Amino acid sequence: MAEKKNIIWATGRRKTAVARVRLFPGAGTILINQRSLEDYFPRDTSRMLILEPFEITETKGQFDIVVSVEGGGNAAQADAVRHGISRALVASSETLRPALRKAGMLTRDPREVERKKYGRHKARKRPQYSKR
């Protein structure tokens, strides 16, 4: 692991998922909750989503990442990790901000689950109408 002063911390969020990302110079290994990227996210789409900030900024293989992620589902966790990685890359080099901003990586997706209302099956689904 790198020296303490070279570690960059960032937080990424999506729905109820929160990812705490540590970024430091290295060979490009990614650990998520003490497991490899392929082990934690078996779906290719999730892995592509997480690696997207590196491809946009052309920094693939330059940083090691250790992520602690909790809450939400698989897709929300992948989005939270991507958001955290993007924020950490901007903290490491401010010149990467325009490219990440243009790709929409720095914007936190504000959509949350709408609460269930009384008299309804879900947030908006009504009981079936019966004429007689």
C-alpha atoms as a PDB file:
ATOM      1  CA  MET A   1       0.000   0.000   0.000  1.00  0.00           C
ATOM      2  CA  ALA A   2       1.128   3.573  -0.648  1.00  0.00           C
ATOM      3  CA  GLU A   3       2.223   6.134   1.902  1.00  0.00           C
ATOM      4  CA  LYS A   4      -0.493   7.927   3.860  1.00  0.00           C
ATOM      5  CA  LYS A   5       0.063  11.309   2.204  1.00  0.00           C
ATOM      6  CA  ASN A   6      -0.599   9.910  -1.308  1.00  0.00           C
ATOM      7  CA  ILE A   7      -3.991   8.405  -0.460  1.00  0.00           C
ATOM      8  CA  ILE A   8      -7.000  10.298  -1.788  1.00  0.00           C
ATOM      9  CA  TRP A   9     -10.391   9.716  -0.147  1.00  0.00           C
ATOM     10  CA  ALA A  10     -13.714  10.304  -1.893  1.00  0.00           C
ATOM     11  CA  THR A  11     -17.353   9.375  -1.364  1.00  0.00           C
ATOM     12  CA  GLY A  12     -19.798   8.318  -4.056  1.00  0.00           C
ATOM     13  CA  ARG A  13     -23.550   7.947  -3.620  1.00  0.00           C
ATOM     14  CA  ARG A  14     -26.528   6.562  -5.545  1.00  0.00           C
ATOM     15  CA  LYS A  15     -30.002   5.844  -4.101  1.00  0.00           C
ATOM     16  CA  THR A  16     -29.171   4.346  -0.681  1.00  0.00           C
ATOM     17  CA  ALA A  17     -25.723   3.022  -1.666  1.00  0.00           C
ATOM     18  CA  VAL A  18     -22.634   4.773  -0.280  1.00  0.00           C
ATOM     19  CA  ALA A  19     -19.106   4.015  -1.524  1.00  0.00           C
ATOM     20  CA  ARG A  20     -15.982   5.204   0.306  1.00  0.00           C
ATOM     21  CA  VAL A  21     -13.132   5.193  -2.214  1.00  0.00           C
ATOM     22  CA  ARG A  22      -9.387   5.292  -1.504  1.00  0.00           C
ATOM     23  CA  LEU A  23      -7.241   6.086  -4.549  1.00  0.00           C
ATOM     24  CA  PHE A  24      -3.460   5.892  -4.615  1.00  0.00           C
ATOM     25  CA  PRO A  25      -0.752   5.442  -7.269  1.00  0.00           C
ATOM     26  CA  GLY A  26      -0.259   1.821  -8.281  1.00  0.00           C
ATOM     27  CA  ALA A  27      -0.695  -0.861 -10.909  1.00  0.00           C
ATOM     28  CA  GLY A  28      -4.466  -0.644 -11.377  1.00  0.00           C
ATOM     29  CA  THR A  29      -5.819  -3.202  -8.900  1.00  0.00           C
ATOM     30  CA  ILE A  30      -9.345  -2.667  -7.605  1.00  0.00           C
ATOM     31  CA  LEU A  31     -10.565  -4.124  -4.308  1.00  0.00           C
ATOM     32  CA  ILE A  32     -14.208  -3.780  -3.307  1.00  0.00           C
ATOM     33  CA  ASN A  33     -15.083  -4.886   0.245  1.00  0.00           C
ATOM     34  CA  GLN A  34     -11.845  -6.931   0.354  1.00  0.00           C
ATOM     35  CA  ARG A  35     -12.822  -8.772  -2.871  1.00  0.00           C
ATOM     36  CA  SER A  36     -11.647  -8.353  -6.444  1.00  0.00           C
ATOM     37  CA  LEU A  37     -13.713  -6.380  -8.940  1.00  0.00           C
ATOM     38  CA  GLU A  38     -14.614  -9.528 -10.918  1.00  0.00           C
ATOM     39  CA  ASP A  39     -15.624 -11.359  -7.743  1.00  0.00           C
ATOM     40  CA  TYR A  40     -17.786  -8.578  -6.277  1.00  0.00           C
ATOM     41  CA  PHE A  41     -19.431  -7.468  -9.542  1.00  0.00           C
ATOM     42  CA  PRO A  42     -19.837 -10.568 -11.748  1.00  0.00           C
ATOM     43  CA  ARG A  43     -21.859  -8.666 -14.406  1.00  0.00           C
ATOM     44  CA  ASP A  44     -19.874  -7.135 -17.259  1.00  0.00           C
ATOM     45  CA  THR A  45     -22.083  -4.032 -17.355  1.00  0.00           C
ATOM     46  CA  SER A  46     -21.313  -3.197 -13.724  1.00  0.00           C
ATOM     47  CA  ARG A  47     -17.576  -3.609 -14.299  1.00  0.00           C
ATOM     48  CA  MET A  48     -17.706  -1.438 -17.440  1.00  0.00           C
ATOM     49  CA  LEU A  49     -19.574   1.232 -15.473  1.00  0.00           C
ATOM     50  CA  ILE A  50     -16.926   1.263 -12.735  1.00  0.00           C
ATOM     51  CA  LEU A  51     -13.980   1.449 -15.178  1.00  0.00           C
ATOM     52  CA  GLU A  52     -15.585   4.213 -17.273  1.00  0.00           C
ATOM     53  CA  PRO A  53     -13.919   7.179 -15.448  1.00  0.00           C
ATOM     54  CA  PHE A  54     -10.466   5.685 -16.159  1.00  0.00           C
ATOM     55  CA  GLU A  55     -11.225   5.251 -19.863  1.00  0.00           C
ATOM     56  CA  ILE A  56     -12.538   8.818 -20.170  1.00  0.00           C
ATOM     57  CA  THR A  57      -9.505  10.328 -18.435  1.00  0.00           C
ATOM     58  CA  GLU A  58      -7.024   7.826 -19.960  1.00  0.00           C
ATOM     59  CA  THR A  59      -5.626   6.914 -16.525  1.00  0.00           C
ATOM     60  CA  LYS A  60      -6.243   3.154 -16.709  1.00  0.00           C
ATOM     61  CA  GLY A  61      -3.622   1.201 -14.761  1.00  0.00           C
ATOM     62  CA  GLN A  62      -2.176   4.238 -12.973  1.00  0.00           C
ATOM     63  CA  PHE A  63      -4.089   3.976  -9.684  1.00  0.00           C
ATOM     64  CA  ASP A  64      -4.909   1.289  -7.134  1.00  0.00           C
ATOM     65  CA  ILE A  65      -8.370   1.514  -5.602  1.00  0.00           C
ATOM     66  CA  VAL A  66      -9.771   0.202  -2.336  1.00  0.00           C
ATOM     67  CA  VAL A  67     -13.528   0.631  -1.969  1.00  0.00           C
ATOM     68  CA  SER A  68     -15.888   0.074   0.925  1.00  0.00           C
ATOM     69  CA  VAL A  69     -19.481   0.062  -0.320  1.00  0.00           C
ATOM     70  CA  GLU A  70     -22.720  -0.591   1.542  1.00  0.00           C
ATOM     71  CA  GLY A  71     -26.467  -0.199   1.056  1.00  0.00           C
ATOM     72  CA  GLY A  72     -28.591  -0.381  -2.066  1.00  0.00           C
ATOM     73  CA  GLY A  73     -28.498  -3.095  -4.724  1.00  0.00           C
ATOM     74  CA  ASN A  74     -25.874  -4.188  -7.224  1.00  0.00           C
ATOM     75  CA  ALA A  75     -26.582  -1.496  -9.815  1.00  0.00           C
ATOM     76  CA  ALA A  76     -26.767   1.310  -7.237  1.00  0.00           C
ATOM     77  CA  GLN A  77     -23.511   0.148  -5.645  1.00  0.00           C
ATOM     78  CA  ALA A  78     -21.779   0.124  -9.036  1.00  0.00           C
ATOM     79  CA  ASP A  79     -23.011   3.676  -9.709  1.00  0.00           C
ATOM     80  CA  ALA A  80     -21.866   4.793  -6.255  1.00  0.00           C
ATOM     81  CA  VAL A  81     -18.384   3.330  -6.832  1.00  0.00           C
ATOM     82  CA  ARG A  82     -18.166   5.091 -10.217  1.00  0.00           C
ATOM     83  CA  HIS A  83     -19.189   8.397  -8.624  1.00  0.00           C
ATOM     84  CA  GLY A  84     -16.577   7.982  -5.873  1.00  0.00           C
ATOM     85  CA  ILE A  85     -13.809   7.082  -8.332  1.00  0.00           C
ATOM     86  CA  SER A  86     -14.642  10.134 -10.452  1.00  0.00           C
ATOM     87  CA  ARG A  87     -14.485  12.423  -7.418  1.00  0.00           C
ATOM     88  CA  ALA A  88     -11.179  10.887  -6.329  1.00  0.00           C
ATOM     89  CA  LEU A  89      -9.676  11.364  -9.805  1.00  0.00           C
ATOM     90  CA  VAL A  90     -10.656  15.047  -9.741  1.00  0.00           C
ATOM     91  CA  ALA A  91      -9.076  15.373  -6.288  1.00  0.00           C
ATOM     92  CA  SER A  92      -5.865  13.832  -7.644  1.00  0.00           C
ATOM     93  CA  SER A  93      -5.702  16.116 -10.679  1.00  0.00           C
ATOM     94  CA  GLU A  94      -7.990  19.087 -11.291  1.00  0.00           C
ATOM     95  CA  THR A  95      -7.252  18.926 -15.046  1.00  0.00           C
ATOM     96  CA  LEU A  96      -9.474  15.818 -15.315  1.00  0.00           C
ATOM     97  CA  ARG A  97     -12.591  17.725 -14.183  1.00  0.00           C
ATOM     98  CA  PRO A  98     -13.815  18.987 -17.608  1.00  0.00           C
ATOM     99  CA  ALA A  99     -13.749  15.535 -19.223  1.00  0.00           C
ATOM    100  CA  LEU A 100     -15.524  13.885 -16.276  1.00  0.00           C
ATOM    101  CA  ARG A 101     -18.029  16.739 -16.005  1.00  0.00           C
ATOM    102  CA  LYS A 102     -18.869  16.487 -19.721  1.00  0.00           C
ATOM    103  CA  ALA A 103     -19.469  12.726 -19.374  1.00  0.00           C
ATOM    104  CA  GLY A 104     -21.739  13.311 -16.364  1.00  0.00           C
ATOM    105  CA  MET A 105     -19.579  11.360 -13.919  1.00  0.00           C
ATOM    106  CA  LEU A 106     -19.446  14.046 -11.231  1.00  0.00           C
ATOM    107  CA  THR A 107     -23.191  14.606 -10.951  1.00  0.00           C
ATOM    108  CA  ARG A 108     -24.890  12.626  -8.193  1.00  0.00           C
ATOM    109  CA  ASP A 109     -28.079  11.014  -9.509  1.00  0.00           C
ATOM    110  CA  PRO A 110     -30.742  12.575  -7.248  1.00  0.00           C
ATOM    111  CA  ARG A 111     -33.501  10.021  -7.924  1.00  0.00           C
ATOM    112  CA  GLU A 112     -34.721   8.243  -4.802  1.00  0.00           C
ATOM    113  CA  VAL A 113     -37.533   5.758  -4.168  1.00  0.00           C
ATOM    114  CA  GLU A 114     -40.888   7.454  -3.629  1.00  0.00           C
ATOM    115  CA  ARG A 115     -42.557   6.528  -0.357  1.00  0.00           C
ATOM    116  CA  LYS A 116     -45.632   4.272  -0.202  1.00  0.00           C
ATOM    117  CA  LYS A 117     -48.888   6.099   0.509  1.00  0.00           C
ATOM    118  CA  TYR A 118     -51.782   4.719   2.565  1.00  0.00           C
ATOM    119  CA  GLY A 119     -54.695   3.324   0.581  1.00  0.00           C
ATOM    120  CA  ARG A 120     -52.322   2.401  -2.262  1.00  0.00           C
ATOM    121  CA  HIS A 121     -50.522  -0.824  -3.126  1.00  0.00           C
ATOM    122  CA  LYS A 122     -47.253   0.985  -3.854  1.00  0.00           C
ATOM    123  CA  ALA A 123     -46.350   4.672  -4.149  1.00  0.00           C
ATOM    124  CA  ARG A 124     -48.856   5.338  -6.949  1.00  0.00           C
ATOM    125  CA  LYS A 125     -50.557   2.017  -7.812  1.00  0.00           C
ATOM    126  CA  ARG A 126     -54.221   2.145  -6.859  1.00  0.00           C
ATOM    127  CA  PRO A 127     -56.466  -0.746  -5.869  1.00  0.00           C
ATOM    128  CA  GLN A 128     -58.426  -2.197  -8.779  1.00  0.00           C
ATOM    129  CA  TYR A 129     -61.592  -0.250  -9.593  1.00  0.00           C
ATOM    130  CA  SER A 130     -64.817  -2.214  -9.314  1.00  0.00           C
ATOM    131  CA  LYS A 131     -67.939  -0.734 -10.881  1.00  0.00           C
ATOM    132  CA  ARG A 132     -70.307  -3.211  -9.157  1.00  0.00           C
END
